[in-house]
Amino acid sequence: MLDHMTFRVRNIERAKAFYSAALAPLGYTICFEGKYGSNMLGFSYPDASEPDGKKADVWFVDGPSAYGGPQATTGCHLAWRASSRNLVDEFYKAAIAAGGRDNGPPGLRPDYHPNYYGAFVVDPEGNNIEAVCHLPE
């Protein structure tokens, strides 16, 4: 089971604007913004099982790692689970309005499974991001 993931970005302010808009329909908000070695952003969603009532699972760090590697994470696929198809639609609209590029509009993907309803957007770094609902209707 995954707990959290971190992506490197070229411009933390651009990531903040894009992901604040794109993830808002899914209930995500910024839970951390500051410097921890590099400028960082953390996004969380409400989760009653967590001690503080929210779960931070997506982090963005400005620039390359001190241990080497590229300046930004690119070409990855990251999907967020949505509790309804309507929220997938809202994610897609918000991400496109915030500057994302279409990579597959909201709709059923029956090749994956009969109730797979997803939408795909390319973020400012070139990552394929998605919101998906697995529920019927």
N, C-alpha and C. Protein backbone atom coordinates (compact mmCIF):
# COMPACT_ATOMS: atom_id res chain seq x y z
N MET A 1 0.85 -1.18 0.00
CA MET A 1 0.00 0.00 0.00
C MET A 1 0.89 1.24 0.00
N LEU A 2 0.58 2.18 -0.86
CA LEU A 2 1.34 3.43 -0.92
C LEU A 2 0.91 4.37 0.20
N ASP A 3 1.86 5.12 0.72
CA ASP A 3 1.55 6.11 1.74
C ASP A 3 1.62 7.53 1.17
N HIS A 4 2.67 7.82 0.44
CA HIS A 4 2.79 9.15 -0.18
C HIS A 4 3.81 9.08 -1.30
N MET A 5 3.83 10.13 -2.13
CA MET A 5 4.80 10.21 -3.20
C MET A 5 5.22 11.66 -3.40
N THR A 6 6.42 11.83 -3.92
CA THR A 6 6.99 13.16 -4.13
C THR A 6 7.40 13.31 -5.58
N PHE A 7 7.06 14.46 -6.14
CA PHE A 7 7.43 14.79 -7.51
C PHE A 7 8.24 16.08 -7.51
N ARG A 8 9.26 16.11 -8.30
CA ARG A 8 10.08 17.32 -8.45
C ARG A 8 9.52 18.16 -9.58
N VAL A 9 9.54 19.47 -9.39
CA VAL A 9 8.99 20.40 -10.38
C VAL A 9 10.00 21.51 -10.66
N ARG A 10 9.87 22.11 -11.82
CA ARG A 10 10.75 23.22 -12.20
C ARG A 10 10.31 24.55 -11.59
N ASN A 11 9.02 24.65 -11.26
CA ASN A 11 8.47 25.92 -10.78
C ASN A 11 7.40 25.59 -9.73
N ILE A 12 7.74 25.76 -8.48
CA ILE A 12 6.84 25.38 -7.38
C ILE A 12 5.56 26.22 -7.38
N GLU A 13 5.66 27.48 -7.77
CA GLU A 13 4.46 28.33 -7.81
C GLU A 13 3.51 27.87 -8.90
N ARG A 14 4.05 27.46 -10.04
CA ARG A 14 3.20 26.93 -11.12
C ARG A 14 2.54 25.63 -10.66
N ALA A 15 3.30 24.77 -9.99
CA ALA A 15 2.73 23.52 -9.46
C ALA A 15 1.64 23.81 -8.44
N LYS A 16 1.88 24.79 -7.60
CA LYS A 16 0.89 25.17 -6.58
C LYS A 16 -0.42 25.60 -7.24
N ALA A 17 -0.33 26.48 -8.23
CA ALA A 17 -1.53 26.97 -8.91
C ALA A 17 -2.25 25.84 -9.64
N PHE A 18 -1.50 25.03 -10.37
CA PHE A 18 -2.11 23.96 -11.15
C PHE A 18 -2.76 22.91 -10.25
N TYR A 19 -2.02 22.37 -9.31
CA TYR A 19 -2.55 21.29 -8.49
C TYR A 19 -3.58 21.76 -7.48
N SER A 20 -3.49 22.99 -7.02
CA SER A 20 -4.55 23.51 -6.14
C SER A 20 -5.89 23.49 -6.87
N ALA A 21 -5.88 23.89 -8.14
CA ALA A 21 -7.11 23.89 -8.94
C ALA A 21 -7.53 22.48 -9.32
N ALA A 22 -6.61 21.68 -9.84
CA ALA A 22 -6.95 20.35 -10.35
C ALA A 22 -7.44 19.41 -9.26
N LEU A 23 -6.84 19.49 -8.07
CA LEU A 23 -7.18 18.55 -7.00
C LEU A 23 -8.31 19.02 -6.10
N ALA A 24 -8.70 20.29 -6.21
CA ALA A 24 -9.77 20.81 -5.36
C ALA A 24 -11.07 20.01 -5.49
N PRO A 25 -11.51 19.63 -6.69
CA PRO A 25 -12.75 18.86 -6.77
C PRO A 25 -12.68 17.51 -6.04
N LEU A 26 -11.49 16.99 -5.83
CA LEU A 26 -11.31 15.71 -5.14
C LEU A 26 -11.13 15.89 -3.64
N GLY A 27 -11.25 17.13 -3.16
CA GLY A 27 -11.18 17.40 -1.73
C GLY A 27 -9.80 17.70 -1.20
N TYR A 28 -8.82 17.86 -2.09
CA TYR A 28 -7.45 18.13 -1.67
C TYR A 28 -7.22 19.62 -1.40
N THR A 29 -6.42 19.89 -0.40
CA THR A 29 -5.98 21.25 -0.08
C THR A 29 -4.49 21.20 0.28
N ILE A 30 -3.86 22.34 0.25
CA ILE A 30 -2.46 22.42 0.66
C ILE A 30 -2.39 22.27 2.17
N CYS A 31 -1.58 21.35 2.63
CA CYS A 31 -1.42 21.15 4.07
C CYS A 31 -0.03 21.58 4.54
N PHE A 32 0.90 21.72 3.61
CA PHE A 32 2.25 22.17 3.96
C PHE A 32 2.80 22.98 2.81
N GLU A 33 3.38 24.12 3.16
CA GLU A 33 4.07 24.95 2.17
C GLU A 33 5.25 25.59 2.90
N GLY A 34 6.42 25.24 2.48
CA GLY A 34 7.59 25.78 3.16
C GLY A 34 8.87 25.20 2.62
N LYS A 35 9.89 25.34 3.41
CA LYS A 35 11.22 24.90 2.99
C LYS A 35 11.66 23.76 3.91
N TYR A 36 12.04 22.67 3.29
CA TYR A 36 12.62 21.54 4.00
C TYR A 36 13.74 21.05 3.09
N GLY A 37 14.86 21.74 3.13
CA GLY A 37 15.93 21.54 2.16
C GLY A 37 15.67 22.34 0.90
N SER A 38 14.52 22.12 0.28
CA SER A 38 14.04 22.86 -0.90
C SER A 38 12.62 23.33 -0.61
N ASN A 39 12.12 24.21 -1.46
CA ASN A 39 10.72 24.61 -1.32
C ASN A 39 9.84 23.40 -1.59
N MET A 40 8.84 23.21 -0.73
CA MET A 40 7.97 22.03 -0.82
C MET A 40 6.51 22.43 -0.68
N LEU A 41 5.66 21.61 -1.30
CA LEU A 41 4.21 21.70 -1.15
C LEU A 41 3.69 20.31 -0.81
N GLY A 42 2.79 20.24 0.13
CA GLY A 42 2.12 18.98 0.43
C GLY A 42 0.63 19.16 0.27
N PHE A 43 -0.02 18.18 -0.35
CA PHE A 43 -1.48 18.20 -0.53
C PHE A 43 -2.09 17.05 0.26
N SER A 44 -3.21 17.35 0.90
CA SER A 44 -3.90 16.33 1.69
C SER A 44 -5.39 16.35 1.40
N TYR A 45 -6.05 15.27 1.81
CA TYR A 45 -7.49 15.15 1.70
C TYR A 45 -8.03 14.74 3.07
N PRO A 46 -9.29 15.02 3.34
CA PRO A 46 -9.87 14.63 4.63
C PRO A 46 -9.84 13.11 4.81
N ASP A 47 -9.38 12.67 5.98
CA ASP A 47 -9.33 11.24 6.29
C ASP A 47 -9.48 11.08 7.79
N ALA A 48 -10.64 10.65 8.21
CA ALA A 48 -10.95 10.53 9.65
C ALA A 48 -10.05 9.53 10.36
N SER A 49 -9.44 8.61 9.63
CA SER A 49 -8.58 7.62 10.27
C SER A 49 -7.20 8.16 10.63
N GLU A 50 -6.86 9.33 10.14
CA GLU A 50 -5.56 9.94 10.43
C GLU A 50 -5.64 10.76 11.73
N PRO A 51 -4.55 10.85 12.49
CA PRO A 51 -4.57 11.57 13.77
C PRO A 51 -5.04 13.02 13.67
N ASP A 52 -4.67 13.72 12.59
CA ASP A 52 -5.10 15.12 12.47
C ASP A 52 -6.28 15.28 11.51
N GLY A 53 -6.89 14.17 11.09
CA GLY A 53 -8.09 14.23 10.26
C GLY A 53 -7.85 14.45 8.79
N LYS A 54 -6.59 14.40 8.37
CA LYS A 54 -6.28 14.55 6.94
C LYS A 54 -5.07 13.71 6.59
N LYS A 55 -4.98 13.34 5.34
CA LYS A 55 -3.89 12.51 4.86
C LYS A 55 -3.13 13.23 3.76
N ALA A 56 -1.86 13.51 4.02
CA ALA A 56 -0.99 14.13 3.02
C ALA A 56 -0.33 13.01 2.22
N ASP A 57 -0.66 12.93 0.95
CA ASP A 57 -0.09 11.84 0.16
C ASP A 57 0.61 12.28 -1.12
N VAL A 58 0.53 13.54 -1.47
CA VAL A 58 1.19 14.03 -2.68
C VAL A 58 2.03 15.26 -2.32
N TRP A 59 3.31 15.18 -2.68
CA TRP A 59 4.26 16.25 -2.36
C TRP A 59 4.97 16.70 -3.62
N PHE A 60 5.27 18.00 -3.68
CA PHE A 60 6.03 18.57 -4.78
C PHE A 60 7.23 19.31 -4.21
N VAL A 61 8.39 19.10 -4.82
CA VAL A 61 9.63 19.73 -4.38
C VAL A 61 10.20 20.51 -5.55
N ASP A 62 10.66 21.73 -5.27
CA ASP A 62 11.20 22.62 -6.29
C ASP A 62 12.63 22.24 -6.64
N GLY A 63 12.84 21.83 -7.88
CA GLY A 63 14.18 21.59 -8.39
C GLY A 63 14.73 20.21 -8.13
N PRO A 64 15.98 20.00 -8.54
CA PRO A 64 16.59 18.67 -8.47
C PRO A 64 16.96 18.26 -7.05
N SER A 65 17.12 16.96 -6.88
CA SER A 65 17.54 16.41 -5.60
C SER A 65 19.03 16.68 -5.38
N ALA A 66 19.40 16.82 -4.15
CA ALA A 66 20.83 16.98 -3.80
C ALA A 66 21.60 15.71 -4.12
N TYR A 67 20.89 14.62 -4.34
CA TYR A 67 21.53 13.33 -4.63
C TYR A 67 21.67 13.08 -6.13
N GLY A 68 21.29 14.06 -6.94
CA GLY A 68 21.40 13.93 -8.39
C GLY A 68 20.06 13.65 -9.03
N GLY A 69 20.09 13.54 -10.33
CA GLY A 69 18.87 13.28 -11.08
C GLY A 69 18.35 14.52 -11.78
N PRO A 70 17.25 14.37 -12.50
CA PRO A 70 16.71 15.49 -13.29
C PRO A 70 16.11 16.58 -12.40
N GLN A 71 15.93 17.72 -13.00
CA GLN A 71 15.36 18.87 -12.29
C GLN A 71 13.90 18.63 -11.94
N ALA A 72 13.19 17.88 -12.78
CA ALA A 72 11.76 17.65 -12.56
C ALA A 72 11.40 16.21 -12.87
N THR A 73 10.35 15.74 -12.22
CA THR A 73 9.78 14.43 -12.52
C THR A 73 8.90 14.60 -13.75
N THR A 74 9.18 13.84 -14.80
CA THR A 74 8.40 13.95 -16.03
C THR A 74 8.03 12.57 -16.54
N GLY A 75 6.99 12.52 -17.33
CA GLY A 75 6.60 11.29 -17.99
C GLY A 75 5.98 10.24 -17.09
N CYS A 76 5.58 10.61 -15.89
CA CYS A 76 4.96 9.65 -14.96
C CYS A 76 3.45 9.66 -15.12
N HIS A 77 2.83 8.64 -14.58
CA HIS A 77 1.37 8.57 -14.53
C HIS A 77 0.96 8.51 -13.06
N LEU A 78 0.04 9.39 -12.68
CA LEU A 78 -0.45 9.45 -11.31
C LEU A 78 -1.96 9.56 -11.36
N ALA A 79 -2.65 8.67 -10.68
CA ALA A 79 -4.11 8.68 -10.68
C ALA A 79 -4.66 8.85 -9.27
N TRP A 80 -5.68 9.68 -9.16
CA TRP A 80 -6.39 9.89 -7.91
C TRP A 80 -7.76 9.24 -8.02
N ARG A 81 -8.18 8.56 -6.97
CA ARG A 81 -9.50 7.94 -6.94
C ARG A 81 -10.55 9.00 -6.61
N ALA A 82 -11.60 9.00 -7.38
CA ALA A 82 -12.73 9.90 -7.16
C ALA A 82 -13.92 9.08 -6.68
N SER A 83 -14.73 9.67 -5.84
CA SER A 83 -15.87 8.95 -5.27
C SER A 83 -17.10 8.98 -6.18
N SER A 84 -17.03 9.74 -7.28
CA SER A 84 -18.15 9.77 -8.22
C SER A 84 -17.63 10.16 -9.61
N ARG A 85 -18.41 9.82 -10.60
CA ARG A 85 -18.06 10.21 -11.97
C ARG A 85 -18.11 11.72 -12.14
N ASN A 86 -19.02 12.36 -11.45
CA ASN A 86 -19.11 13.81 -11.51
C ASN A 86 -17.81 14.46 -11.04
N LEU A 87 -17.19 13.91 -10.02
CA LEU A 87 -15.92 14.46 -9.54
C LEU A 87 -14.80 14.25 -10.56
N VAL A 88 -14.84 13.16 -11.31
CA VAL A 88 -13.88 12.98 -12.40
C VAL A 88 -14.05 14.10 -13.43
N ASP A 89 -15.30 14.38 -13.78
CA ASP A 89 -15.59 15.46 -14.73
C ASP A 89 -15.07 16.80 -14.21
N GLU A 90 -15.30 17.07 -12.92
CA GLU A 90 -14.87 18.34 -12.33
C GLU A 90 -13.35 18.44 -12.27
N PHE A 91 -12.68 17.36 -11.94
CA PHE A 91 -11.22 17.32 -11.97
C PHE A 91 -10.71 17.70 -13.36
N TYR A 92 -11.26 17.07 -14.37
CA TYR A 92 -10.83 17.31 -15.75
C TYR A 92 -11.01 18.78 -16.13
N LYS A 93 -12.19 19.32 -15.87
CA LYS A 93 -12.46 20.73 -16.20
C LYS A 93 -11.49 21.66 -15.47
N ALA A 94 -11.27 21.40 -14.19
CA ALA A 94 -10.39 22.26 -13.39
C ALA A 94 -8.95 22.16 -13.88
N ALA A 95 -8.48 20.96 -14.18
CA ALA A 95 -7.10 20.78 -14.63
C ALA A 95 -6.87 21.43 -15.99
N ILE A 96 -7.83 21.31 -16.89
CA ILE A 96 -7.71 21.95 -18.21
C ILE A 96 -7.72 23.48 -18.05
N ALA A 97 -8.63 23.98 -17.23
CA ALA A 97 -8.72 25.44 -17.01
C ALA A 97 -7.45 25.98 -16.37
N ALA A 98 -6.74 25.14 -15.61
CA ALA A 98 -5.51 25.58 -14.93
C ALA A 98 -4.27 25.43 -15.82
N GLY A 99 -4.46 25.02 -17.06
CA GLY A 99 -3.34 24.95 -17.99
C GLY A 99 -2.89 23.56 -18.39
N GLY A 100 -3.60 22.52 -17.92
CA GLY A 100 -3.27 21.17 -18.34
C GLY A 100 -3.70 20.92 -19.77
N ARG A 101 -3.14 19.88 -20.37
CA ARG A 101 -3.50 19.50 -21.74
C ARG A 101 -4.29 18.20 -21.73
N ASP A 102 -5.31 18.16 -22.55
CA ASP A 102 -6.14 16.97 -22.66
C ASP A 102 -5.31 15.75 -23.06
N ASN A 103 -5.54 14.64 -22.36
CA ASN A 103 -4.92 13.38 -22.73
C ASN A 103 -5.95 12.25 -22.68
N GLY A 104 -7.22 12.63 -22.72
CA GLY A 104 -8.32 11.67 -22.69
C GLY A 104 -9.45 12.22 -21.86
N PRO A 105 -10.53 12.70 -22.48
CA PRO A 105 -11.63 13.32 -21.73
C PRO A 105 -12.34 12.31 -20.84
N PRO A 106 -13.16 12.81 -19.91
CA PRO A 106 -13.89 11.91 -19.02
C PRO A 106 -14.74 10.92 -19.81
N GLY A 107 -14.72 9.70 -19.36
CA GLY A 107 -15.54 8.68 -20.00
C GLY A 107 -15.21 7.30 -19.49
N LEU A 108 -16.05 6.36 -19.88
CA LEU A 108 -15.82 4.96 -19.52
C LEU A 108 -14.64 4.41 -20.31
N ARG A 109 -13.88 3.57 -19.67
CA ARG A 109 -12.77 2.85 -20.29
C ARG A 109 -13.04 1.35 -20.09
N PRO A 110 -14.00 0.78 -20.84
CA PRO A 110 -14.41 -0.60 -20.61
C PRO A 110 -13.30 -1.62 -20.86
N ASP A 111 -12.25 -1.23 -21.58
CA ASP A 111 -11.12 -2.14 -21.75
C ASP A 111 -10.42 -2.40 -20.42
N TYR A 112 -10.51 -1.44 -19.49
CA TYR A 112 -9.88 -1.60 -18.17
C TYR A 112 -10.77 -2.47 -17.29
N HIS A 113 -12.04 -2.06 -17.14
CA HIS A 113 -13.11 -2.86 -16.54
C HIS A 113 -14.42 -2.12 -16.80
N PRO A 114 -15.56 -2.78 -16.67
CA PRO A 114 -16.83 -2.18 -17.12
C PRO A 114 -17.19 -0.84 -16.47
N ASN A 115 -16.74 -0.59 -15.24
CA ASN A 115 -17.13 0.65 -14.55
C ASN A 115 -15.99 1.66 -14.44
N TYR A 116 -14.91 1.45 -15.15
CA TYR A 116 -13.76 2.34 -15.06
C TYR A 116 -14.09 3.65 -15.79
N TYR A 117 -14.25 4.72 -15.02
CA TYR A 117 -14.58 6.04 -15.56
C TYR A 117 -13.43 6.97 -15.20
N GLY A 118 -12.69 7.40 -16.20
CA GLY A 118 -11.51 8.22 -15.93
C GLY A 118 -11.37 9.39 -16.87
N ALA A 119 -10.49 10.29 -16.49
CA ALA A 119 -10.12 11.45 -17.32
C ALA A 119 -8.63 11.66 -17.15
N PHE A 120 -7.97 12.00 -18.24
CA PHE A 120 -6.51 12.12 -18.27
C PHE A 120 -6.10 13.51 -18.74
N VAL A 121 -5.12 14.08 -18.04
CA VAL A 121 -4.60 15.42 -18.34
C VAL A 121 -3.08 15.38 -18.21
N VAL A 122 -2.39 16.08 -19.09
CA VAL A 122 -0.94 16.23 -18.98
C VAL A 122 -0.67 17.49 -18.17
N ASP A 123 0.08 17.35 -17.07
CA ASP A 123 0.38 18.49 -16.20
C ASP A 123 1.50 19.35 -16.80
N PRO A 124 1.83 20.48 -16.18
CA PRO A 124 2.86 21.37 -16.73
C PRO A 124 4.25 20.75 -16.88
N GLU A 125 4.53 19.66 -16.17
CA GLU A 125 5.84 19.01 -16.27
C GLU A 125 5.85 17.88 -17.30
N GLY A 126 4.68 17.54 -17.84
CA GLY A 126 4.61 16.45 -18.80
C GLY A 126 4.18 15.12 -18.22
N ASN A 127 3.64 15.13 -17.01
CA ASN A 127 3.14 13.90 -16.39
C ASN A 127 1.68 13.69 -16.77
N ASN A 128 1.29 12.45 -16.96
CA ASN A 128 -0.08 12.09 -17.26
C ASN A 128 -0.81 11.89 -15.94
N ILE A 129 -1.71 12.81 -15.60
CA ILE A 129 -2.45 12.69 -14.35
C ILE A 129 -3.89 12.31 -14.65
N GLU A 130 -4.52 11.67 -13.69
CA GLU A 130 -5.84 11.11 -13.92
C GLU A 130 -6.68 11.16 -12.66
N ALA A 131 -7.99 11.29 -12.85
CA ALA A 131 -8.95 11.01 -11.80
C ALA A 131 -9.78 9.85 -12.31
N VAL A 132 -10.08 8.90 -11.41
CA VAL A 132 -10.81 7.69 -11.81
C VAL A 132 -11.84 7.33 -10.76
N CYS A 133 -13.00 6.91 -11.24
CA CYS A 133 -14.04 6.36 -10.39
C CYS A 133 -14.30 4.93 -10.86
N HIS A 134 -14.30 3.99 -9.94
CA HIS A 134 -14.51 2.58 -10.26
C HIS A 134 -15.95 2.12 -10.00
N LEU A 135 -16.79 3.03 -9.57
CA LEU A 135 -18.15 2.67 -9.18
C LEU A 135 -19.12 2.74 -10.35
N PRO A 136 -20.14 1.90 -10.36
CA PRO A 136 -21.16 2.02 -11.41
C PRO A 136 -21.99 3.27 -11.15
N GLU A 137 -22.19 4.03 -12.20
CA GLU A 137 -22.95 5.29 -12.13
C GLU A 137 -22.41 6.14 -11.07
